[in-house]
C-alpha atoms as a PDB file:
ATOM      1  CA  MET A   1     -13.612  70.690 112.564  1.00  0.00           C
ATOM      2  CA  LYS A   2     -16.230  69.173 114.876  1.00  0.00           C
ATOM      3  CA  ASN A   3     -15.510  65.787 113.254  1.00  0.00           C
ATOM      4  CA  TRP A   4     -11.808  65.911 114.087  1.00  0.00           C
ATOM      5  CA  TRP A   5     -12.094  62.748 116.178  1.00  0.00           C
ATOM      6  CA  LYS A   6     -13.157  60.797 113.076  1.00  0.00           C
ATOM      7  CA  TYR A   7      -9.930  61.750 111.333  1.00  0.00           C
ATOM      8  CA  VAL A   8      -8.034  60.700 114.456  1.00  0.00           C
ATOM      9  CA  CYS A   9      -9.902  57.375 114.365  1.00  0.00           C
ATOM     10  CA  VAL A  10      -8.903  56.697 110.755  1.00  0.00           C
ATOM     11  CA  ILE A  11      -5.253  57.610 111.402  1.00  0.00           C
ATOM     12  CA  LEU A  12      -5.057  55.448 114.534  1.00  0.00           C
ATOM     13  CA  LEU A  13      -6.611  52.418 112.838  1.00  0.00           C
ATOM     14  CA  LEU A  14      -4.397  52.721 109.771  1.00  0.00           C
ATOM     15  CA  TYR A  15      -1.406  52.909 112.094  1.00  0.00           C
ATOM     16  CA  THR A  16      -2.712  49.900 114.045  1.00  0.00           C
ATOM     17  CA  ILE A  17      -3.208  47.761 110.933  1.00  0.00           C
ATOM     18  CA  VAL A  18       0.155  48.614 109.378  1.00  0.00           C
ATOM     19  CA  MET A  19       2.183  48.283 112.582  1.00  0.00           C
ATOM     20  CA  GLY A  20       0.029  45.417 113.789  1.00  0.00           C
ATOM     21  CA  PHE A  21       1.039  43.227 110.883  1.00  0.00           C
ATOM     22  CA  ALA A  22       4.467  44.646 110.032  1.00  0.00           C
ATOM     23  CA  GLY A  23       5.795  46.281 113.194  1.00  0.00           C
ATOM     24  CA  PRO A  24       8.496  44.787 115.453  1.00  0.00           C
ATOM     25  CA  ILE A  25       7.486  42.451 118.291  1.00  0.00           C
ATOM     26  CA  PRO A  26       9.490  40.929 121.156  1.00  0.00           C
ATOM     27  CA  PRO A  27      10.581  37.245 121.026  1.00  0.00           C
ATOM     28  CA  LEU A  28       7.952  35.388 123.051  1.00  0.00           C
ATOM     29  CA  ASN A  29       7.629  31.701 123.777  1.00  0.00           C
ATOM     30  CA  ILE A  30       4.369  30.062 122.655  1.00  0.00           C
ATOM     31  CA  LEU A  31       2.758  33.388 121.673  1.00  0.00           C
ATOM     32  CA  GLU A  32       5.340  34.257 119.016  1.00  0.00           C
ATOM     33  CA  GLN A  33       3.634  36.080 116.072  1.00  0.00           C
ATOM     34  CA  SER A  34       0.185  35.617 117.618  1.00  0.00           C
ATOM     35  CA  ILE A  35       0.957  38.458 120.032  1.00  0.00           C
ATOM     36  CA  ARG A  36      -0.064  40.767 117.173  1.00  0.00           C
ATOM     37  CA  ASN A  37      -3.649  39.795 117.969  1.00  0.00           C
ATOM     38  CA  LEU A  38      -3.213  41.925 121.088  1.00  0.00           C
ATOM     39  CA  TYR A  39      -3.891  44.962 118.881  1.00  0.00           C
ATOM     40  CA  PHE A  40      -7.256  43.565 117.792  1.00  0.00           C
ATOM     41  CA  HIS A  41      -8.704  41.143 120.342  1.00  0.00           C
ATOM     42  CA  VAL A  42      -8.203  43.187 123.507  1.00  0.00           C
ATOM     43  CA  PRO A  43      -9.367  46.540 122.025  1.00  0.00           C
ATOM     44  CA  MET A  44     -12.545  44.790 120.809  1.00  0.00           C
ATOM     45  CA  TRP A  45     -13.393  43.929 124.400  1.00  0.00           C
ATOM     46  CA  PHE A  46     -12.499  47.401 125.628  1.00  0.00           C
ATOM     47  CA  SER A  47     -14.791  48.884 122.985  1.00  0.00           C
ATOM     48  CA  MET A  48     -17.576  46.512 123.960  1.00  0.00           C
ATOM     49  CA  MET A  49     -17.240  47.368 127.660  1.00  0.00           C
ATOM     50  CA  ALA A  50     -17.235  51.106 126.912  1.00  0.00           C
ATOM     51  CA  LEU A  51     -20.397  50.804 124.814  1.00  0.00           C
ATOM     52  CA  MET A  52     -22.226  48.589 127.299  1.00  0.00           C
ATOM     53  CA  LEU A  53     -21.383  51.090 130.042  1.00  0.00           C
ATOM     54  CA  ALA A  54     -22.683  53.906 127.828  1.00  0.00           C
ATOM     55  CA  SER A  55     -25.855  51.901 127.155  1.00  0.00           C
ATOM     56  CA  THR A  56     -26.399  51.521 130.892  1.00  0.00           C
ATOM     57  CA  ILE A  57     -25.865  55.234 131.502  1.00  0.00           C
ATOM     58  CA  PHE A  58     -28.387  56.177 128.811  1.00  0.00           C
ATOM     59  CA  SER A  59     -30.815  53.621 130.243  1.00  0.00           C
ATOM     60  CA  ILE A  60     -30.529  55.247 133.672  1.00  0.00           C
ATOM     61  CA  ARG A  61     -31.050  58.644 132.044  1.00  0.00           C
ATOM     62  CA  TYR A  62     -34.174  57.357 130.331  1.00  0.00           C
ATOM     63  CA  LEU A  63     -35.621  56.140 133.619  1.00  0.00           C
ATOM     64  CA  SER A  64     -34.977  59.529 135.195  1.00  0.00           C
ATOM     65  CA  ARG A  65     -35.963  61.799 132.261  1.00  0.00           C
ATOM     66  CA  GLN A  66     -38.382  59.635 130.249  1.00  0.00           C
ATOM     67  CA  LYS A  67     -36.955  60.941 126.958  1.00  0.00           C
ATOM     68  CA  ILE A  68     -37.074  58.491 124.069  1.00  0.00           C
ATOM     69  CA  GLU A  69     -33.798  59.876 122.699  1.00  0.00           C
ATOM     70  CA  ASP A  70     -31.993  58.269 125.649  1.00  0.00           C
ATOM     71  CA  ASP A  71     -33.593  54.916 124.793  1.00  0.00           C
ATOM     72  CA  ILE A  72     -32.452  55.283 121.180  1.00  0.00           C
ATOM     73  CA  LYS A  73     -28.891  55.925 122.339  1.00  0.00           C
ATOM     74  CA  ALA A  74     -28.970  53.061 124.850  1.00  0.00           C
ATOM     75  CA  SER A  75     -30.186  50.629 122.189  1.00  0.00           C
ATOM     76  CA  ALA A  76     -27.617  51.788 119.619  1.00  0.00           C
ATOM     77  CA  CYS A  77     -24.753  51.428 122.104  1.00  0.00           C
ATOM     78  CA  ALA A  78     -25.903  47.920 123.008  1.00  0.00           C
ATOM     79  CA  GLN A  79     -26.190  46.917 119.339  1.00  0.00           C
ATOM     80  CA  VAL A  80     -22.684  48.022 118.406  1.00  0.00           C
ATOM     81  CA  GLY A  81     -21.268  46.716 121.679  1.00  0.00           C
ATOM     82  CA  PHE A  82     -22.793  43.319 120.919  1.00  0.00           C
ATOM     83  CA  VAL A  83     -21.134  43.273 117.475  1.00  0.00           C
ATOM     84  CA  PHE A  84     -17.757  44.162 118.972  1.00  0.00           C
ATOM     85  CA  GLY A  85     -18.302  41.418 121.542  1.00  0.00           C
ATOM     86  CA  ILE A  86     -18.780  38.891 118.738  1.00  0.00           C
ATOM     87  CA  LEU A  87     -15.613  40.183 117.056  1.00  0.00           C
ATOM     88  CA  GLY A  88     -13.839  39.780 120.397  1.00  0.00           C
ATOM     89  CA  ILE A  89     -15.006  36.171 120.605  1.00  0.00           C
ATOM     90  CA  ILE A  90     -13.835  35.471 117.038  1.00  0.00           C
ATOM     91  CA  THR A  91     -10.391  37.041 117.480  1.00  0.00           C
ATOM     92  CA  GLY A  92     -10.074  35.311 120.845  1.00  0.00           C
ATOM     93  CA  SER A  93     -10.926  31.963 119.274  1.00  0.00           C
ATOM     94  CA  LEU A  94      -8.219  32.473 116.635  1.00  0.00           C
ATOM     95  CA  TRP A  95      -5.723  33.270 119.364  1.00  0.00           C
ATOM     96  CA  ALA A  96      -6.792  30.234 121.397  1.00  0.00           C
ATOM     97  CA  ARG A  97      -6.241  27.988 118.373  1.00  0.00           C
ATOM     98  CA  VAL A  98      -2.636  29.168 118.074  1.00  0.00           C
ATOM     99  CA  THR A  99      -1.673  29.264 121.758  1.00  0.00           C
ATOM    100  CA  TRP A 100      -3.905  26.637 123.383  1.00  0.00           C
ATOM    101  CA  GLY A 101      -4.333  24.291 120.425  1.00  0.00           C
ATOM    102  CA  ALA A 102      -8.130  24.521 120.249  1.00  0.00           C
ATOM    103  CA  TRP A 103     -10.667  26.980 118.870  1.00  0.00           C
ATOM    104  CA  TRP A 104     -12.584  26.819 122.143  1.00  0.00           C
ATOM    105  CA  VAL A 105     -11.434  25.499 125.513  1.00  0.00           C
ATOM    106  CA  PHE A 106     -14.607  24.566 127.360  1.00  0.00           C
ATOM    107  CA  GLN A 107     -12.811  24.510 130.711  1.00  0.00           C
ATOM    108  CA  GLU A 108     -11.754  28.145 130.202  1.00  0.00           C
ATOM    109  CA  ILE A 109     -14.092  30.127 132.439  1.00  0.00           C
ATOM    110  CA  LYS A 110     -13.500  33.500 130.795  1.00  0.00           C
ATOM    111  CA  LEU A 111     -14.454  32.194 127.343  1.00  0.00           C
ATOM    112  CA  ASN A 112     -17.625  30.681 128.749  1.00  0.00           C
ATOM    113  CA  GLY A 113     -18.326  33.860 130.713  1.00  0.00           C
ATOM    114  CA  ALA A 114     -17.927  35.980 127.584  1.00  0.00           C
ATOM    115  CA  ALA A 115     -20.345  33.764 125.672  1.00  0.00           C
ATOM    116  CA  ALA A 116     -22.832  33.912 128.551  1.00  0.00           C
ATOM    117  CA  ALA A 117     -22.488  37.702 128.719  1.00  0.00           C
ATOM    118  CA  LEU A 118     -23.370  37.991 125.029  1.00  0.00           C
ATOM    119  CA  LEU A 119     -26.398  35.761 125.592  1.00  0.00           C
ATOM    120  CA  VAL A 120     -27.522  38.088 128.375  1.00  0.00           C
ATOM    121  CA  TYR A 121     -27.458  40.966 125.892  1.00  0.00           C
ATOM    122  CA  ALA A 122     -29.090  38.844 123.198  1.00  0.00           C
ATOM    123  CA  ALA A 123     -32.019  38.571 125.613  1.00  0.00           C
ATOM    124  CA  TYR A 124     -32.043  42.389 125.762  1.00  0.00           C
ATOM    125  CA  PHE A 125     -32.747  42.573 122.029  1.00  0.00           C
ATOM    126  CA  ILE A 126     -35.383  39.854 122.269  1.00  0.00           C
ATOM    127  CA  LEU A 127     -37.042  41.820 125.074  1.00  0.00           C
ATOM    128  CA  ARG A 128     -37.097  44.981 122.984  1.00  0.00           C
ATOM    129  CA  GLY A 129     -38.674  43.118 120.092  1.00  0.00           C
ATOM    130  CA  SER A 130     -41.436  41.708 122.275  1.00  0.00           C
ATOM    131  CA  PHE A 131     -43.151  45.084 122.895  1.00  0.00           C
ATOM    132  CA  ASP A 132     -45.310  47.053 120.490  1.00  0.00           C
ATOM    133  CA  ASP A 133     -45.858  49.884 122.930  1.00  0.00           C
ATOM    134  CA  GLU A 134     -42.829  52.169 122.648  1.00  0.00           C
ATOM    135  CA  GLU A 135     -42.997  53.509 126.195  1.00  0.00           C
ATOM    136  CA  LYS A 136     -43.167  50.040 127.742  1.00  0.00           C
ATOM    137  CA  LYS A 137     -40.370  48.823 125.483  1.00  0.00           C
ATOM    138  CA  ALA A 138     -38.123  51.681 126.520  1.00  0.00           C
ATOM    139  CA  ARG A 139     -38.902  51.339 130.229  1.00  0.00           C
ATOM    140  CA  PHE A 140     -38.488  47.573 130.489  1.00  0.00           C
ATOM    141  CA  SER A 141     -35.397  47.669 128.262  1.00  0.00           C
ATOM    142  CA  ALA A 142     -33.806  50.318 130.468  1.00  0.00           C
ATOM    143  CA  VAL A 143     -34.370  48.267 133.615  1.00  0.00           C
ATOM    144  CA  TYR A 144     -33.045  45.105 131.964  1.00  0.00           C
ATOM    145  CA  SER A 145     -30.035  46.993 130.565  1.00  0.00           C
ATOM    146  CA  ILE A 146     -28.893  47.847 134.093  1.00  0.00           C
ATOM    147  CA  PHE A 147     -29.252  44.210 135.158  1.00  0.00           C
ATOM    148  CA  ALA A 148     -27.480  43.030 131.990  1.00  0.00           C
ATOM    149  CA  PHE A 149     -24.459  45.265 132.583  1.00  0.00           C
ATOM    150  CA  VAL A 150     -24.075  44.049 136.171  1.00  0.00           C
ATOM    151  CA  MET A 151     -24.207  40.431 134.990  1.00  0.00           C
ATOM    152  CA  PHE A 152     -21.846  41.278 132.134  1.00  0.00           C
ATOM    153  CA  MET A 153     -19.173  42.625 134.487  1.00  0.00           C
ATOM    154  CA  VAL A 154     -19.561  39.700 136.879  1.00  0.00           C
ATOM    155  CA  LEU A 155     -19.246  37.135 134.081  1.00  0.00           C
ATOM    156  CA  ILE A 156     -16.213  38.580 132.298  1.00  0.00           C
ATOM    157  CA  ASN A 157     -14.341  40.367 135.090  1.00  0.00           C
ATOM    158  CA  VAL A 158     -15.258  39.164 138.565  1.00  0.00           C
ATOM    159  CA  ILE A 159     -15.656  35.382 138.232  1.00  0.00           C
ATOM    160  CA  PRO A 160     -12.539  34.848 136.030  1.00  0.00           C
ATOM    161  CA  ARG A 161     -10.392  36.825 138.487  1.00  0.00           C
ATOM    162  CA  ILE A 162     -11.421  34.770 141.510  1.00  0.00           C
ATOM    163  CA  SER A 163     -11.340  31.457 139.673  1.00  0.00           C
ATOM    164  CA  ASN A 164      -8.243  29.288 139.446  1.00  0.00           C
ATOM    165  CA  SER A 165      -9.317  27.651 136.181  1.00  0.00           C
ATOM    166  CA  SER A 166      -8.794  30.543 133.762  1.00  0.00           C
ATOM    167  CA  LEU A 167      -5.945  30.419 131.244  1.00  0.00           C
ATOM    168  CA  HIS A 168      -6.232  34.100 130.355  1.00  0.00           C
ATOM    169  CA  PRO A 169      -3.395  36.461 131.305  1.00  0.00           C
ATOM    170  CA  GLY A 170      -4.262  38.328 134.476  1.00  0.00           C
ATOM    171  CA  ASN A 171      -6.824  35.719 135.581  1.00  0.00           C
ATOM    172  CA  GLY A 172      -6.642  32.515 137.596  1.00  0.00           C
ATOM    173  CA  GLY A 173      -3.262  33.476 139.061  1.00  0.00           C
ATOM    174  CA  ASN A 174      -1.690  33.970 135.623  1.00  0.00           C
ATOM    175  CA  PRO A 175       0.513  37.048 135.086  1.00  0.00           C
ATOM    176  CA  GLY A 176      -1.005  39.814 132.981  1.00  0.00           C
ATOM    177  CA  PHE A 177       0.467  41.103 129.753  1.00  0.00           C
ATOM    178  CA  ASN A 178       1.816  44.217 131.466  1.00  0.00           C
ATOM    179  CA  SER A 179       3.964  42.127 133.787  1.00  0.00           C
ATOM    180  CA  TYR A 180       5.994  40.240 131.196  1.00  0.00           C
ATOM    181  CA  ASP A 181       5.482  41.001 127.531  1.00  0.00           C
ATOM    182  CA  LEU A 182       4.156  44.501 126.896  1.00  0.00           C
ATOM    183  CA  ASP A 183       7.472  46.000 125.839  1.00  0.00           C
ATOM    184  CA  SER A 184       7.834  49.504 124.389  1.00  0.00           C
ATOM    185  CA  ASN A 185       7.199  48.344 120.813  1.00  0.00           C
ATOM    186  CA  LEU A 186       3.913  46.691 121.773  1.00  0.00           C
ATOM    187  CA  ARG A 187       2.783  49.632 123.872  1.00  0.00           C
ATOM    188  CA  MET A 188       3.384  52.052 121.003  1.00  0.00           C
ATOM    189  CA  VAL A 189       0.801  50.151 118.957  1.00  0.00           C
ATOM    190  CA  PHE A 190      -1.481  48.750 121.650  1.00  0.00           C
ATOM    191  CA  TYR A 191      -2.588  52.048 123.218  1.00  0.00           C
ATOM    192  CA  PRO A 192      -3.326  53.750 119.867  1.00  0.00           C
ATOM    193  CA  ALA A 193      -5.182  50.564 118.846  1.00  0.00           C
ATOM    194  CA  VAL A 194      -7.417  50.771 121.920  1.00  0.00           C
ATOM    195  CA  MET A 195      -8.229  54.411 121.208  1.00  0.00           C
ATOM    196  CA  GLY A 196      -8.782  53.759 117.506  1.00  0.00           C
ATOM    197  CA  TRP A 197     -11.200  50.850 117.987  1.00  0.00           C
ATOM    198  CA  ILE A 198     -13.138  52.687 120.700  1.00  0.00           C
ATOM    199  CA  LEU A 199     -13.463  55.730 118.434  1.00  0.00           C
ATOM    200  CA  LEU A 200     -14.633  53.488 115.581  1.00  0.00           C
ATOM    201  CA  SER A 201     -17.275  51.918 117.819  1.00  0.00           C
ATOM    202  CA  ALA A 202     -18.456  55.389 118.853  1.00  0.00           C
ATOM    203  CA  TRP A 203     -18.542  56.458 115.191  1.00  0.00           C
ATOM    204  CA  ILE A 204     -20.682  53.490 114.161  1.00  0.00           C
ATOM    205  CA  THR A 205     -22.976  54.093 117.135  1.00  0.00           C
ATOM    206  CA  SER A 206     -23.442  57.743 116.182  1.00  0.00           C
ATOM    207  CA  LEU A 207     -24.434  56.695 112.659  1.00  0.00           C
ATOM    208  CA  ILE A 208     -27.060  54.271 113.990  1.00  0.00           C
ATOM    209  CA  ILE A 209     -28.462  56.979 116.272  1.00  0.00           C
ATOM    210  CA  ARG A 210     -28.697  59.394 113.350  1.00  0.00           C
ATOM    211  CA  MET A 211     -30.434  56.771 111.232  1.00  0.00           C
ATOM    212  CA  GLN A 212     -32.953  56.135 114.001  1.00  0.00           C
ATOM    213  CA  LYS A 213     -33.659  59.851 114.340  1.00  0.00           C
ATOM    214  CA  ILE A 214     -34.101  60.238 110.574  1.00  0.00           C
ATOM    215  CA  PHE A 215     -36.470  57.253 110.566  1.00  0.00           C
ATOM    216  CA  ARG A 216     -38.536  58.792 113.347  1.00  0.00           C
ATOM    217  CA  LYS A 217     -38.590  62.156 111.604  1.00  0.00           C
ATOM    218  CA  ILE A 218     -39.764  60.592 108.335  1.00  0.00           C
ATOM    219  CA  HIS A 219     -42.528  58.743 110.147  1.00  0.00           C
ATOM    220  CA  GLN A 220     -43.300  61.792 112.280  1.00  0.00           C
ATOM    221  CA  LEU A 221     -42.485  60.102 115.544  1.00  0.00           C
ATOM    222  CA  ASP A 222     -41.683  62.375 118.461  1.00  0.00           C
ATOM    223  CA  ILE A 223     -38.202  61.968 120.002  1.00  0.00           C
ATOM    224  CA  GLU A 224     -38.588  64.552 122.743  1.00  0.00           C
END
């Protein structure tokens, strides 16, 4: 039963999808039915942040231990985190269209910060692809990964919170979801949704790591 968490992931996501589209929601002005996106958009960002943090931790481990396995894990976490970041942008854009009347509000600092944060990580993948020497690629990528995570947190968490131009809940002086519309019905779906999406992101990451290890084994590349 070492894969028990995968079964938990499937159950949580099935519950999230069913209750997300058919479960009860509170009567909310402006948001109305779009509040259901809370179960998808916000967990995507949580998953991305968890994976980018994990990527940074494995990058630090690589710099201290010089084991290529840590670089493989750091890269895989960044890859999946980047995909979940794109999904977060897409679901956020859908939500913006319903609540703000536009797919993208260019004056919204958190949207721009999120896009910039993804570009910072896009540069990480470009950097990795620019080296043929595996050791140099791993070392430079690890250093850049630490820088990228710091910039990532500044762009999506620090700047929006101190700015007065953000429309997002909890930023720019706006009340957060927990202060006015996370009632018991929403919480009963939201928290399982967060856990389910994070577990799914970890599952996908583990598959990529296994594929990388199999590839290296086939080509007789050392991972120690």
